[in-house]
């Protein structure tokens, strides 16, 4: 909980910090609070669709929750964002997760 409080403190100073929001979402996942994590990931990606790192984690969260169609959608959006950013590593991770889910 100490990490979460520290991250929230950082967000009070800069509420639109993608890195801190992403880190907070990952902490929520560790606690099993997928709703808060999902909300943060979606907020990040709505505000900044180029923040490639959040696509994978959001899609994995949805996949674990059994929302396959939403997970596929986010994997595909993430692949597009990674391709546009020239981030081959992220693209390959997203594609592999997508393919594992679809096939």
Protein backbone atom coordinates (compact mmCIF):
# COMPACT_ATOMS: atom_id res chain seq x y z
CA UNK A 1 0.00 0.00 0.00
CA UNK A 2 2.94 2.30 0.59
CA UNK A 3 3.82 2.25 -3.11
CA UNK A 4 0.24 3.08 -4.04
CA UNK A 5 0.18 6.04 -1.65
CA UNK A 6 3.47 7.32 -3.06
CA UNK A 7 2.20 7.03 -6.63
CA UNK A 8 -1.02 8.83 -5.71
CA UNK A 9 1.07 11.57 -4.15
CA UNK A 10 2.98 11.97 -7.42
CA UNK A 11 -0.33 12.14 -9.29
CA UNK A 12 -1.58 14.93 -7.04
CA UNK A 13 1.33 16.98 -8.35
CA UNK A 14 0.87 15.92 -11.96
CA UNK A 15 -2.47 14.12 -12.52
CA UNK A 16 -1.83 13.50 -16.23
CA UNK A 17 1.51 11.71 -15.83
CA UNK A 18 1.17 8.59 -17.99
CA UNK A 19 4.15 6.82 -16.44
CA UNK A 20 2.86 7.25 -12.89
CA UNK A 21 -0.69 6.31 -13.84
CA UNK A 22 0.60 3.21 -15.60
CA UNK A 23 2.67 2.25 -12.56
CA UNK A 24 -0.35 2.77 -10.31
CA UNK A 25 -2.48 0.56 -12.56
CA UNK A 26 0.13 -2.20 -12.30
CA UNK A 27 0.04 -1.92 -8.51
CA UNK A 28 -3.75 -2.27 -8.59
CA UNK A 29 -3.38 -5.42 -10.68
CA UNK A 30 -1.05 -6.86 -8.04
CA UNK A 31 -3.77 -6.19 -5.45
CA UNK A 32 -6.43 -7.80 -7.65
CA UNK A 33 -8.27 -4.53 -8.23
CA UNK A 34 -8.75 -4.91 -11.97
CA UNK A 35 -11.49 -2.27 -12.12
CA UNK A 36 -9.20 0.52 -10.92
CA UNK A 37 -6.39 -0.75 -13.13
CA UNK A 38 -8.63 -0.89 -16.19
CA UNK A 39 -9.93 2.62 -15.57
CA UNK A 40 -6.40 3.99 -15.35
CA UNK A 41 -5.19 2.20 -18.48
CA UNK A 42 -8.24 3.37 -20.44
CA UNK A 43 -7.77 6.94 -19.19
CA UNK A 44 -4.14 6.90 -20.31
CA UNK A 45 -4.96 5.55 -23.76
CA UNK A 46 -7.90 7.89 -24.27
CA UNK A 47 -5.70 10.86 -23.45
CA UNK A 48 -2.56 9.57 -25.18
CA UNK A 49 -3.05 6.74 -27.69
CA UNK A 50 0.72 6.76 -28.33
CA UNK A 51 1.47 5.43 -24.82
CA UNK A 52 2.15 1.97 -26.22
CA UNK A 53 3.02 0.20 -22.96
CA UNK A 54 -0.51 0.36 -21.60
CA UNK A 55 -2.13 -1.55 -24.46
CA UNK A 56 -0.58 -4.88 -23.56
CA UNK A 57 -1.45 -4.68 -19.87
CA UNK A 58 -5.02 -3.53 -20.52
CA UNK A 59 -5.58 -6.29 -23.06
CA UNK A 60 -4.08 -8.93 -20.73
CA UNK A 61 -6.35 -7.72 -17.92
CA UNK A 62 -9.39 -8.04 -20.19
CA UNK A 63 -8.23 -11.43 -21.39
CA UNK A 64 -7.95 -12.68 -17.78
CA UNK A 65 -11.43 -11.31 -17.11
CA UNK A 66 -12.82 -13.31 -20.03
CA UNK A 67 -13.61 -10.30 -22.22
CA UNK A 68 -11.94 -11.75 -25.30
CA UNK A 69 -13.42 -9.36 -27.86
CA UNK A 70 -12.28 -6.28 -25.91
CA UNK A 71 -8.84 -7.81 -25.38
CA UNK A 72 -8.48 -8.45 -29.12
CA UNK A 73 -9.54 -4.88 -29.86
CA UNK A 74 -6.91 -3.44 -27.50
CA UNK A 75 -4.18 -5.76 -28.80
CA UNK A 76 -4.97 -4.62 -32.35
CA UNK A 77 -5.06 -0.94 -31.40
CA UNK A 78 -1.77 -1.42 -29.58
CA UNK A 79 -0.18 -3.08 -32.60
CA UNK A 80 -1.24 -0.12 -34.74
CA UNK A 81 0.15 2.38 -32.22
CA UNK A 82 3.41 0.43 -31.89
CA UNK A 83 3.77 0.20 -35.68
CA UNK A 84 3.23 3.94 -36.03
CA UNK A 85 5.76 4.61 -33.26
CA UNK A 86 8.30 2.25 -34.83
CA UNK A 87 8.38 0.23 -31.60
CA UNK A 88 9.11 -3.22 -33.00
CA UNK A 89 9.56 -4.86 -29.60
CA UNK A 90 6.14 -3.71 -28.34
CA UNK A 91 4.56 -4.65 -31.67
CA UNK A 92 5.96 -8.17 -31.47
CA UNK A 93 4.77 -8.62 -27.86
CA UNK A 94 1.30 -7.39 -28.71
CA UNK A 95 1.12 -9.52 -31.84
CA UNK A 96 2.25 -12.66 -30.00
CA UNK A 97 -0.35 -12.13 -27.26
CA UNK A 98 -3.01 -11.39 -29.88
CA UNK A 99 -2.16 -14.48 -31.90
CA UNK A 100 -2.17 -16.68 -28.79
CA UNK A 101 -5.66 -15.45 -27.97
CA UNK A 102 -7.09 -15.63 -31.47
CA UNK A 103 -5.63 -18.99 -32.54
